[in-house]
Every structure is written in structure tokens, then in C-alpha cells.
């Protein structure tokens, strides 16, 4: 059996979290993400060595330390680039990337856009607290206009970024938004994202209870609108219309999902066959053989 020909063995693992205790502040929304991701992976049923979690820099990017899977702590804003490389080299792996709103949409904004447009087959979990938490409370790309923070003491004059809108219009084929306190919905959406072939983006409203106390769970709940049951999540125009109708609000649930677009890996495989007569899998195996 070659490196890439990994058997799809079942697992009896009932918990993917590690023995390392999380270091987040008590009450941080990221605890909910950790718990939901664990439950989603248990439902998925892949062995720990077939799962890799790639993170950037920030409070949310500590998540791989607390999971008993492969993990990689990359540079600030570069998690998606590393995750793309990993999925390209090891398409058999289930690859998850995690980050915060600053990590994803400020220094990592360029990588975010291109990962979505390439439809890379990974699941990206963005923990959105509308603040820079790890650096102790500066205005972030998703912060509301008028926010007084350590970097904007007189109030922010900039309009915030809407993460689901950026993901959808950049080319993501699975887009969802959910509160970190809604464990069932969060688990279900993460599970669906893990199963989805293509770029899965889940924006998680994850309050920072230490450096953005006004944006607590109640704040996010008051701004949230459950997506109507009759919303057609397979219709791109309907997804765009939903986000337009909820400008300034936070629609929660599945916004968009399609399986019509080829993944980055499928496109790369076809391209390699055209120019070199070799599949992506065979090319990677030949490179790996040189180092065995």
C-alpha cells in the first residue's frame, strides 16, 4: 500500500480531543467550536491519522493543540495556503483549517479569496468575534462601524466585512453561518461541511468575553435571524438575495451548497494528465518515492 493509498478503515474513536486542556478564557465561544468539531468528526468516523487541522495565528488558531489529530500551526493569515498544499499532496486526508476574523480577512484576506475561488476541498472554520482578541482588543475587519477599541478610541469609521458574502462571491461551494452556542446546529453544519466536496466555509459567531464584552452571546443572538426553511440553498441567486436582505444582520444556517463545480484537486488532476500524462496521485507518489 503506497503512502496515498490509505484504506478507508473505520474507527471506534469516541473522542478526538486531546489531553491538552484548552487555554481560552472561560466563556469563550471557541469552546463550542471545539466541542462541535469533535462531535462532527466522531460522526464522520475517520481515524485520527486521516484528519489534519491547519491553523493560523490567534486565539482560535490554538484549536489544533486541543485535538488528537494531525495539526499544523502556520504563520499569521497563511493557514489556507498550507491547507491547500496539504490537500494537494495528500488528497486522501480530511483537511480542516481554523482561524479568526483578523487572521482570515485582514492579513489572510488574499488567501481566503483564492482558496474559495479554487474550490479547494477543505473545511474552513472561521471563529468570528468581531475583534482582535489575542492582541487584546483592536478593531478587526468584521467590527461594527463606530466601535471604540484600543486601535480606534474615537470609533471605527470603516464598514465591516461580511464573511459569508465574501466566501459566496469568491466561489465557495458550501457557505454557512452559526452561533457557537448552538451546539446541534453547529455540529450538523460542520459535519455537512466535512462531507462536502469543495470549499466549505462555516462562519461561527464566537464571542470574545474578555476584550469585546459588549459583543457577547446576547448581542449576537439579537442580531441573528434563523434562515427560513423554504430558502433554496442550492440556488446561488437565492443565497445572494438572502444576504442582501439581511444586510447588517446575521442569518444563521445553511446559506449555499452546490456540487456542480469541480474541486481544485480535480482540476489539477486533469491539468497534469493533459500536460504530463500523469495523475496527481501518481506524481506525488513518485516524488515521495525519492525520499523513502
C-alpha atoms as a PDB file:
ATOM      1  CA  UNK A   1       0.000   0.000   0.000  1.00  0.00           C
ATOM      2  CA  UNK A   2       1.511   3.325  -1.054  1.00  0.00           C
ATOM      3  CA  UNK A   3       1.521   6.461   1.051  1.00  0.00           C
ATOM      4  CA  UNK A   4      -1.548   7.830  -0.697  1.00  0.00           C
ATOM      5  CA  UNK A   5      -3.487   4.576  -0.937  1.00  0.00           C
ATOM      6  CA  UNK A   6      -4.795   4.701   2.595  1.00  0.00           C
ATOM      7  CA  UNK A   7      -7.559   2.235   3.392  1.00  0.00           C
ATOM      8  CA  UNK A   8     -10.846   3.779   4.453  1.00  0.00           C
ATOM      9  CA  UNK A   9     -10.787   1.944   7.761  1.00  0.00           C
ATOM     10  CA  UNK A  10     -13.491   2.508  10.321  1.00  0.00           C
ATOM     11  CA  UNK A  11     -12.702   3.817  13.770  1.00  0.00           C
ATOM     12  CA  UNK A  12     -14.163   3.263  17.205  1.00  0.00           C
ATOM     13  CA  UNK A  13     -12.838   6.616  18.385  1.00  0.00           C
ATOM     14  CA  UNK A  14     -15.406   8.354  20.568  1.00  0.00           C
ATOM     15  CA  UNK A  15     -13.394  11.493  21.203  1.00  0.00           C
ATOM     16  CA  UNK A  16     -10.959  13.420  19.025  1.00  0.00           C
ATOM     17  CA  UNK A  17      -9.984  15.954  21.665  1.00  0.00           C
ATOM     18  CA  UNK A  18      -6.517  15.633  23.197  1.00  0.00           C
ATOM     19  CA  UNK A  19      -5.366  15.605  26.802  1.00  0.00           C
ATOM     20  CA  UNK A  20      -4.159  19.195  26.428  1.00  0.00           C
ATOM     21  CA  UNK A  21      -6.578  21.476  28.253  1.00  0.00           C
ATOM     22  CA  UNK A  22      -7.797  24.498  26.249  1.00  0.00           C
ATOM     23  CA  UNK A  23      -6.268  27.815  27.301  1.00  0.00           C
ATOM     24  CA  UNK A  24      -9.126  30.040  26.161  1.00  0.00           C
ATOM     25  CA  UNK A  25     -10.764  32.421  28.613  1.00  0.00           C
ATOM     26  CA  UNK A  26     -13.736  30.943  30.494  1.00  0.00           C
ATOM     27  CA  UNK A  27     -16.840  31.645  28.437  1.00  0.00           C
ATOM     28  CA  UNK A  28     -15.023  31.998  25.095  1.00  0.00           C
ATOM     29  CA  UNK A  29     -17.136  30.879  22.145  1.00  0.00           C
ATOM     30  CA  UNK A  30     -14.273  28.796  20.796  1.00  0.00           C
ATOM     31  CA  UNK A  31     -15.075  26.079  23.338  1.00  0.00           C
ATOM     32  CA  UNK A  32     -18.303  25.484  21.462  1.00  0.00           C
ATOM     33  CA  UNK A  33     -16.411  25.083  18.188  1.00  0.00           C
ATOM     34  CA  UNK A  34     -14.032  22.573  19.766  1.00  0.00           C
ATOM     35  CA  UNK A  35     -16.916  20.516  21.129  1.00  0.00           C
ATOM     36  CA  UNK A  36     -18.912  20.621  17.895  1.00  0.00           C
ATOM     37  CA  UNK A  37     -15.918  19.729  15.713  1.00  0.00           C
ATOM     38  CA  UNK A  38     -15.206  16.761  17.977  1.00  0.00           C
ATOM     39  CA  UNK A  39     -18.802  15.566  17.615  1.00  0.00           C
ATOM     40  CA  UNK A  40     -18.772  16.086  13.841  1.00  0.00           C
ATOM     41  CA  UNK A  41     -15.558  14.084  13.476  1.00  0.00           C
ATOM     42  CA  UNK A  42     -16.940  11.275  15.639  1.00  0.00           C
ATOM     43  CA  UNK A  43     -19.960  11.159  13.318  1.00  0.00           C
ATOM     44  CA  UNK A  44     -17.671  11.223  10.267  1.00  0.00           C
ATOM     45  CA  UNK A  45     -15.798   8.247  11.677  1.00  0.00           C
ATOM     46  CA  UNK A  46     -12.364   8.653  10.094  1.00  0.00           C
ATOM     47  CA  UNK A  47      -9.285   7.593  12.094  1.00  0.00           C
ATOM     48  CA  UNK A  48      -7.337  10.386  13.778  1.00  0.00           C
ATOM     49  CA  UNK A  49      -4.378   9.897  11.434  1.00  0.00           C
ATOM     50  CA  UNK A  50      -6.609  10.610   8.436  1.00  0.00           C
ATOM     51  CA  UNK A  51      -7.557  14.061   9.746  1.00  0.00           C
ATOM     52  CA  UNK A  52      -5.350  17.176   9.697  1.00  0.00           C
ATOM     53  CA  UNK A  53      -6.191  20.567  11.197  1.00  0.00           C
ATOM     54  CA  UNK A  54      -4.239  23.601   9.979  1.00  0.00           C
ATOM     55  CA  UNK A  55      -4.364  26.906  11.871  1.00  0.00           C
ATOM     56  CA  UNK A  56      -3.014  30.419  11.544  1.00  0.00           C
ATOM     57  CA  UNK A  57      -2.266  32.732  14.461  1.00  0.00           C
ATOM     58  CA  UNK A  58      -4.704  33.890  17.129  1.00  0.00           C
ATOM     59  CA  UNK A  59      -6.850  32.523  19.927  1.00  0.00           C
ATOM     60  CA  UNK A  60      -8.959  30.435  17.561  1.00  0.00           C
ATOM     61  CA  UNK A  61      -5.847  29.080  15.873  1.00  0.00           C
ATOM     62  CA  UNK A  62      -4.866  27.255  19.043  1.00  0.00           C
ATOM     63  CA  UNK A  63      -7.522  24.671  18.277  1.00  0.00           C
ATOM     64  CA  UNK A  64      -5.192  22.014  16.728  1.00  0.00           C
ATOM     65  CA  UNK A  65      -3.360  21.748  20.063  1.00  0.00           C
ATOM     66  CA  UNK A  66      -6.563  20.524  21.668  1.00  0.00           C
ATOM     67  CA  UNK A  67      -7.334  17.835  19.076  1.00  0.00           C
ATOM     68  CA  UNK A  68      -5.846  14.346  18.856  1.00  0.00           C
ATOM     69  CA  UNK A  69      -5.351  14.540  15.083  1.00  0.00           C
ATOM     70  CA  UNK A  70      -2.518  15.761  12.914  1.00  0.00           C
ATOM     71  CA  UNK A  71      -2.134  19.509  13.319  1.00  0.00           C
ATOM     72  CA  UNK A  72      -0.079  22.348  11.907  1.00  0.00           C
ATOM     73  CA  UNK A  73       0.290  25.822  13.386  1.00  0.00           C
ATOM     74  CA  UNK A  74       1.193  28.011  10.399  1.00  0.00           C
ATOM     75  CA  UNK A  75       2.016  31.707  10.009  1.00  0.00           C
ATOM     76  CA  UNK A  76      -0.453  34.550  10.508  1.00  0.00           C
ATOM     77  CA  UNK A  77      -3.061  34.502   7.741  1.00  0.00           C
ATOM     78  CA  UNK A  78      -1.429  31.584   5.920  1.00  0.00           C
ATOM     79  CA  UNK A  79      -3.471  28.621   7.180  1.00  0.00           C
ATOM     80  CA  UNK A  80      -5.392  28.269   3.930  1.00  0.00           C
ATOM     81  CA  UNK A  81      -2.219  28.253   1.827  1.00  0.00           C
ATOM     82  CA  UNK A  82      -0.764  25.453   3.938  1.00  0.00           C
ATOM     83  CA  UNK A  83      -4.072  23.582   3.898  1.00  0.00           C
ATOM     84  CA  UNK A  84      -4.217  23.864   0.094  1.00  0.00           C
ATOM     85  CA  UNK A  85      -0.715  22.427  -0.218  1.00  0.00           C
ATOM     86  CA  UNK A  86      -1.515  19.608   2.188  1.00  0.00           C
ATOM     87  CA  UNK A  87      -4.745  18.656   0.421  1.00  0.00           C
ATOM     88  CA  UNK A  88      -2.960  18.752  -2.941  1.00  0.00           C
ATOM     89  CA  UNK A  89      -0.198  16.442  -1.722  1.00  0.00           C
ATOM     90  CA  UNK A  90      -2.473  14.195   0.339  1.00  0.00           C
ATOM     91  CA  UNK A  91      -5.949  14.256  -1.221  1.00  0.00           C
ATOM     92  CA  UNK A  92      -6.917  11.248   0.890  1.00  0.00           C
ATOM     93  CA  UNK A  93      -6.863  13.312   4.096  1.00  0.00           C
ATOM     94  CA  UNK A  94      -9.766  15.179   5.638  1.00  0.00           C
ATOM     95  CA  UNK A  95      -8.307  18.684   5.939  1.00  0.00           C
ATOM     96  CA  UNK A  96      -9.759  21.312   8.268  1.00  0.00           C
ATOM     97  CA  UNK A  97      -8.484  24.884   8.616  1.00  0.00           C
ATOM     98  CA  UNK A  98      -9.282  27.214  11.508  1.00  0.00           C
ATOM     99  CA  UNK A  99      -8.799  30.932  12.054  1.00  0.00           C
ATOM    100  CA  UNK A 100     -10.282  34.142  13.374  1.00  0.00           C
ATOM    101  CA  UNK A 101     -11.765  37.129  11.553  1.00  0.00           C
ATOM    102  CA  UNK A 102      -8.468  39.046  11.632  1.00  0.00           C
ATOM    103  CA  UNK A 103      -6.370  36.050  10.625  1.00  0.00           C
ATOM    104  CA  UNK A 104      -8.756  35.189   7.782  1.00  0.00           C
ATOM    105  CA  UNK A 105      -9.890  38.533   6.431  1.00  0.00           C
ATOM    106  CA  UNK A 106      -7.090  41.012   7.159  1.00  0.00           C
ATOM    107  CA  UNK A 107      -3.589  39.599   6.668  1.00  0.00           C
ATOM    108  CA  UNK A 108      -5.082  36.411   5.209  1.00  0.00           C
ATOM    109  CA  UNK A 109      -7.752  38.015   3.031  1.00  0.00           C
ATOM    110  CA  UNK A 110      -5.962  37.316  -0.240  1.00  0.00           C
ATOM    111  CA  UNK A 111      -5.526  33.634   0.610  1.00  0.00           C
ATOM    112  CA  UNK A 112      -9.153  33.411   1.733  1.00  0.00           C
ATOM    113  CA  UNK A 113     -10.443  34.709  -1.592  1.00  0.00           C
ATOM    114  CA  UNK A 114      -8.274  32.439  -3.718  1.00  0.00           C
ATOM    115  CA  UNK A 115      -8.956  29.310  -1.665  1.00  0.00           C
ATOM    116  CA  UNK A 116     -12.669  29.879  -2.132  1.00  0.00           C
ATOM    117  CA  UNK A 117     -12.422  30.588  -5.882  1.00  0.00           C
ATOM    118  CA  UNK A 118     -10.251  27.493  -6.388  1.00  0.00           C
ATOM    119  CA  UNK A 119     -12.851  25.376  -4.569  1.00  0.00           C
ATOM    120  CA  UNK A 120     -10.183  23.559  -2.571  1.00  0.00           C
ATOM    121  CA  UNK A 121     -11.693  20.510  -0.877  1.00  0.00           C
ATOM    122  CA  UNK A 122     -11.195  21.623   2.715  1.00  0.00           C
ATOM    123  CA  UNK A 123     -13.429  22.832   5.546  1.00  0.00           C
ATOM    124  CA  UNK A 124     -12.610  26.296   6.843  1.00  0.00           C
ATOM    125  CA  UNK A 125     -13.977  27.249  10.260  1.00  0.00           C
ATOM    126  CA  UNK A 126     -13.791  30.973  10.958  1.00  0.00           C
ATOM    127  CA  UNK A 127     -14.357  31.956  14.603  1.00  0.00           C
ATOM    128  CA  UNK A 128     -15.763  35.458  14.289  1.00  0.00           C
ATOM    129  CA  UNK A 129     -15.696  37.607  17.462  1.00  0.00           C
ATOM    130  CA  UNK A 130     -15.511  40.989  15.652  1.00  0.00           C
ATOM    131  CA  UNK A 131     -12.296  41.942  17.476  1.00  0.00           C
ATOM    132  CA  UNK A 132      -8.590  41.109  17.658  1.00  0.00           C
ATOM    133  CA  UNK A 133      -8.728  39.014  20.826  1.00  0.00           C
ATOM    134  CA  UNK A 134      -5.212  37.620  21.196  1.00  0.00           C
ATOM    135  CA  UNK A 135      -3.633  41.084  20.896  1.00  0.00           C
ATOM    136  CA  UNK A 136      -6.085  42.428  23.484  1.00  0.00           C
ATOM    137  CA  UNK A 137      -8.867  44.243  21.700  1.00  0.00           C
ATOM    138  CA  UNK A 138      -8.193  46.133  18.485  1.00  0.00           C
ATOM    139  CA  UNK A 139     -10.776  46.740  15.735  1.00  0.00           C
ATOM    140  CA  UNK A 140     -10.929  43.834  13.264  1.00  0.00           C
ATOM    141  CA  UNK A 141     -12.291  43.514   9.689  1.00  0.00           C
ATOM    142  CA  UNK A 142     -15.704  42.367  10.967  1.00  0.00           C
ATOM    143  CA  UNK A 143     -16.021  45.004  13.728  1.00  0.00           C
ATOM    144  CA  UNK A 144     -19.105  47.196  13.505  1.00  0.00           C
ATOM    145  CA  UNK A 145     -18.856  50.828  12.428  1.00  0.00           C
ATOM    146  CA  UNK A 146     -18.446  53.118  15.430  1.00  0.00           C
ATOM    147  CA  UNK A 147     -16.676  50.560  17.625  1.00  0.00           C
ATOM    148  CA  UNK A 148     -14.382  52.163  20.187  1.00  0.00           C
ATOM    149  CA  UNK A 149     -11.351  49.970  20.699  1.00  0.00           C
ATOM    150  CA  UNK A 150      -7.653  50.261  21.521  1.00  0.00           C
ATOM    151  CA  UNK A 151      -6.920  50.968  17.861  1.00  0.00           C
ATOM    152  CA  UNK A 152      -9.986  53.182  17.269  1.00  0.00           C
ATOM    153  CA  UNK A 153     -10.525  55.136  20.531  1.00  0.00           C
ATOM    154  CA  UNK A 154     -12.788  57.629  18.743  1.00  0.00           C
ATOM    155  CA  UNK A 155     -14.797  54.947  16.983  1.00  0.00           C
ATOM    156  CA  UNK A 156     -14.224  52.977  13.795  1.00  0.00           C
ATOM    157  CA  UNK A 157     -15.341  54.764  10.611  1.00  0.00           C
ATOM    158  CA  UNK A 158     -14.961  51.677   8.384  1.00  0.00           C
ATOM    159  CA  UNK A 159     -17.741  49.397   7.171  1.00  0.00           C
ATOM    160  CA  UNK A 160     -17.324  45.788   8.347  1.00  0.00           C
ATOM    161  CA  UNK A 161     -16.733  42.792   6.105  1.00  0.00           C
ATOM    162  CA  UNK A 162     -19.497  40.199   5.868  1.00  0.00           C
ATOM    163  CA  UNK A 163     -17.613  36.842   5.842  1.00  0.00           C
ATOM    164  CA  UNK A 164     -20.379  34.720   4.238  1.00  0.00           C
ATOM    165  CA  UNK A 165     -20.759  37.324   1.471  1.00  0.00           C
ATOM    166  CA  UNK A 166     -17.016  37.266   0.737  1.00  0.00           C
ATOM    167  CA  UNK A 167     -16.943  33.460   0.714  1.00  0.00           C
ATOM    168  CA  UNK A 168     -20.011  33.155  -1.508  1.00  0.00           C
ATOM    169  CA  UNK A 169     -18.954  35.760  -4.070  1.00  0.00           C
ATOM    170  CA  UNK A 170     -15.402  34.388  -4.152  1.00  0.00           C
ATOM    171  CA  UNK A 171     -16.576  30.922  -5.184  1.00  0.00           C
ATOM    172  CA  UNK A 172     -17.105  28.786  -2.073  1.00  0.00           C
ATOM    173  CA  UNK A 173     -19.464  25.898  -2.789  1.00  0.00           C
ATOM    174  CA  UNK A 174     -20.647  25.466   0.819  1.00  0.00           C
ATOM    175  CA  UNK A 175     -21.392  28.537   2.937  1.00  0.00           C
ATOM    176  CA  UNK A 176     -22.970  28.554   6.388  1.00  0.00           C
ATOM    177  CA  UNK A 177     -23.169  30.725   9.496  1.00  0.00           C
ATOM    178  CA  UNK A 178     -24.000  29.663  13.042  1.00  0.00           C
ATOM    179  CA  UNK A 179     -23.624  30.695  16.669  1.00  0.00           C
ATOM    180  CA  UNK A 180     -21.057  28.870  18.798  1.00  0.00           C
ATOM    181  CA  UNK A 181     -23.719  28.356  21.487  1.00  0.00           C
ATOM    182  CA  UNK A 182     -25.996  26.363  19.162  1.00  0.00           C
ATOM    183  CA  UNK A 183     -24.250  23.013  19.545  1.00  0.00           C
ATOM    184  CA  UNK A 184     -26.656  20.911  17.477  1.00  0.00           C
ATOM    185  CA  UNK A 185     -26.770  23.273  14.510  1.00  0.00           C
ATOM    186  CA  UNK A 186     -23.020  23.878  14.657  1.00  0.00           C
ATOM    187  CA  UNK A 187     -22.277  20.143  14.788  1.00  0.00           C
ATOM    188  CA  UNK A 188     -24.656  19.409  11.905  1.00  0.00           C
ATOM    189  CA  UNK A 189     -23.204  22.166   9.710  1.00  0.00           C
ATOM    190  CA  UNK A 190     -19.601  21.146  10.423  1.00  0.00           C
ATOM    191  CA  UNK A 191     -20.452  17.538   9.635  1.00  0.00           C
ATOM    192  CA  UNK A 192     -22.113  18.549   6.361  1.00  0.00           C
ATOM    193  CA  UNK A 193     -19.091  20.713   5.565  1.00  0.00           C
ATOM    194  CA  UNK A 194     -16.703  17.835   6.188  1.00  0.00           C
ATOM    195  CA  UNK A 195     -18.699  15.625   3.818  1.00  0.00           C
ATOM    196  CA  UNK A 196     -18.944  18.303   1.120  1.00  0.00           C
ATOM    197  CA  UNK A 197     -16.608  18.041  -1.876  1.00  0.00           C
ATOM    198  CA  UNK A 198     -15.184  21.504  -2.355  1.00  0.00           C
ATOM    199  CA  UNK A 199     -14.513  24.637  -0.336  1.00  0.00           C
ATOM    200  CA  UNK A 200     -16.692  24.506   2.778  1.00  0.00           C
ATOM    201  CA  UNK A 201     -16.892  27.717   4.786  1.00  0.00           C
ATOM    202  CA  UNK A 202     -18.561  27.945   8.185  1.00  0.00           C
ATOM    203  CA  UNK A 203     -18.584  31.345   9.885  1.00  0.00           C
ATOM    204  CA  UNK A 204     -19.054  30.791  13.601  1.00  0.00           C
ATOM    205  CA  UNK A 205     -20.241  33.698  15.747  1.00  0.00           C
ATOM    206  CA  UNK A 206     -17.867  33.189  18.662  1.00  0.00           C
ATOM    207  CA  UNK A 207     -17.978  35.870  21.399  1.00  0.00           C
ATOM    208  CA  UNK A 208     -14.761  37.177  22.980  1.00  0.00           C
ATOM    209  CA  UNK A 209     -15.797  37.624  26.607  1.00  0.00           C
ATOM    210  CA  UNK A 210     -12.592  39.375  27.676  1.00  0.00           C
ATOM    211  CA  UNK A 211     -11.734  42.022  25.077  1.00  0.00           C
ATOM    212  CA  UNK A 212     -15.115  42.572  23.409  1.00  0.00           C
ATOM    213  CA  UNK A 213     -17.597  42.247  26.236  1.00  0.00           C
ATOM    214  CA  UNK A 214     -20.350  44.191  24.513  1.00  0.00           C
ATOM    215  CA  UNK A 215     -20.401  41.656  21.669  1.00  0.00           C
ATOM    216  CA  UNK A 216     -21.459  38.806  23.927  1.00  0.00           C
ATOM    217  CA  UNK A 217     -23.789  35.897  23.207  1.00  0.00           C
ATOM    218  CA  UNK A 218     -26.894  38.049  23.673  1.00  0.00           C
ATOM    219  CA  UNK A 219     -25.515  40.644  21.237  1.00  0.00           C
ATOM    220  CA  UNK A 220     -25.002  38.018  18.531  1.00  0.00           C
ATOM    221  CA  UNK A 221     -28.345  36.373  19.271  1.00  0.00           C
ATOM    222  CA  UNK A 222     -30.169  39.682  18.917  1.00  0.00           C
ATOM    223  CA  UNK A 223     -28.564  40.225  15.501  1.00  0.00           C
ATOM    224  CA  UNK A 224     -29.147  36.664  14.299  1.00  0.00           C
ATOM    225  CA  UNK A 225     -32.015  35.543  12.054  1.00  0.00           C
ATOM    226  CA  UNK A 226     -32.655  31.845  11.509  1.00  0.00           C
ATOM    227  CA  UNK A 227     -32.721  31.161   7.763  1.00  0.00           C
ATOM    228  CA  UNK A 228     -36.285  30.284   6.645  1.00  0.00           C
ATOM    229  CA  UNK A 229     -36.980  26.622   5.912  1.00  0.00           C
ATOM    230  CA  UNK A 230     -38.124  27.449   2.387  1.00  0.00           C
ATOM    231  CA  UNK A 231     -34.760  29.019   1.468  1.00  0.00           C
ATOM    232  CA  UNK A 232     -33.286  27.230  -1.553  1.00  0.00           C
ATOM    233  CA  UNK A 233     -29.662  26.781  -0.534  1.00  0.00           C
ATOM    234  CA  UNK A 234     -28.842  25.213  -3.914  1.00  0.00           C
ATOM    235  CA  UNK A 235     -29.688  28.454  -5.726  1.00  0.00           C
ATOM    236  CA  UNK A 236     -26.824  30.953  -5.945  1.00  0.00           C
ATOM    237  CA  UNK A 237     -29.101  33.913  -6.644  1.00  0.00           C
ATOM    238  CA  UNK A 238     -31.289  32.959  -3.683  1.00  0.00           C
ATOM    239  CA  UNK A 239     -28.196  32.832  -1.470  1.00  0.00           C
ATOM    240  CA  UNK A 240     -27.094  36.275  -2.666  1.00  0.00           C
ATOM    241  CA  UNK A 241     -30.582  37.610  -2.134  1.00  0.00           C
ATOM    242  CA  UNK A 242     -30.705  36.202   1.375  1.00  0.00           C
ATOM    243  CA  UNK A 243     -27.514  38.003   2.367  1.00  0.00           C
ATOM    244  CA  UNK A 244     -28.686  41.231   0.721  1.00  0.00           C
ATOM    245  CA  UNK A 245     -31.981  41.084   2.590  1.00  0.00           C
ATOM    246  CA  UNK A 246     -30.143  40.568   5.870  1.00  0.00           C
ATOM    247  CA  UNK A 247     -27.551  43.330   5.451  1.00  0.00           C
ATOM    248  CA  UNK A 248     -26.490  44.346   8.936  1.00  0.00           C
ATOM    249  CA  UNK A 249     -27.998  41.147  10.331  1.00  0.00           C
ATOM    250  CA  UNK A 250     -26.574  37.633  10.783  1.00  0.00           C
ATOM    251  CA  UNK A 251     -28.569  34.904   9.007  1.00  0.00           C
ATOM    252  CA  UNK A 252     -27.811  31.531  10.612  1.00  0.00           C
ATOM    253  CA  UNK A 253     -27.996  28.140   8.950  1.00  0.00           C
ATOM    254  CA  UNK A 254     -27.037  26.811   5.528  1.00  0.00           C
ATOM    255  CA  UNK A 255     -26.746  29.683   3.065  1.00  0.00           C
ATOM    256  CA  UNK A 256     -25.482  27.904  -0.044  1.00  0.00           C
ATOM    257  CA  UNK A 257     -24.369  24.492  -1.237  1.00  0.00           C
ATOM    258  CA  UNK A 258     -23.628  23.163  -4.718  1.00  0.00           C
ATOM    259  CA  UNK A 259     -21.819  20.134  -6.097  1.00  0.00           C
ATOM    260  CA  UNK A 260     -21.717  21.405  -9.684  1.00  0.00           C
ATOM    261  CA  UNK A 261     -18.246  22.998  -9.574  1.00  0.00           C
ATOM    262  CA  UNK A 262     -15.091  20.860  -9.913  1.00  0.00           C
ATOM    263  CA  UNK A 263     -12.732  20.920  -6.959  1.00  0.00           C
ATOM    264  CA  UNK A 264      -9.203  22.281  -7.144  1.00  0.00           C
ATOM    265  CA  UNK A 265      -7.844  18.735  -6.897  1.00  0.00           C
ATOM    266  CA  UNK A 266      -9.993  17.521  -9.784  1.00  0.00           C
ATOM    267  CA  UNK A 267      -8.873  20.447 -11.931  1.00  0.00           C
ATOM    268  CA  UNK A 268      -5.215  19.881 -11.026  1.00  0.00           C
ATOM    269  CA  UNK A 269      -5.504  16.182 -11.805  1.00  0.00           C
ATOM    270  CA  UNK A 270      -6.985  16.873 -15.244  1.00  0.00           C
ATOM    271  CA  UNK A 271      -4.329  19.515 -15.960  1.00  0.00           C
ATOM    272  CA  UNK A 272      -1.465  17.177 -15.039  1.00  0.00           C
ATOM    273  CA  UNK A 273      -2.865  14.442 -17.247  1.00  0.00           C
ATOM    274  CA  UNK A 274      -3.090  16.877 -20.148  1.00  0.00           C
ATOM    275  CA  UNK A 275       0.449  18.231 -19.873  1.00  0.00           C
ATOM    276  CA  UNK A 276       2.349  15.264 -18.463  1.00  0.00           C
ATOM    277  CA  UNK A 277       0.150  12.205 -18.898  1.00  0.00           C
ATOM    278  CA  UNK A 278       0.245  11.510 -15.173  1.00  0.00           C
ATOM    279  CA  UNK A 279      -2.334  11.839 -12.434  1.00  0.00           C
ATOM    280  CA  UNK A 280      -1.854  13.993  -9.364  1.00  0.00           C
ATOM    281  CA  UNK A 281      -1.714  10.880  -7.193  1.00  0.00           C
ATOM    282  CA  UNK A 282       0.994   9.241  -9.287  1.00  0.00           C
ATOM    283  CA  UNK A 283       3.034  12.439  -9.436  1.00  0.00           C
ATOM    284  CA  UNK A 284       3.012  12.856  -5.659  1.00  0.00           C
ATOM    285  CA  UNK A 285       3.834   9.173  -5.153  1.00  0.00           C
ATOM    286  CA  UNK A 286       6.817   9.438  -7.497  1.00  0.00           C
ATOM    287  CA  UNK A 287       8.135  12.426  -5.538  1.00  0.00           C
ATOM    288  CA  UNK A 288       7.630  10.650  -2.221  1.00  0.00           C
ATOM    289  CA  UNK A 289       9.409   7.555  -3.551  1.00  0.00           C
ATOM    290  CA  UNK A 290      12.579   9.628  -3.937  1.00  0.00           C
ATOM    291  CA  UNK A 291      12.655  10.286  -0.185  1.00  0.00           C
ATOM    292  CA  UNK A 292      11.906   6.763   1.017  1.00  0.00           C
END
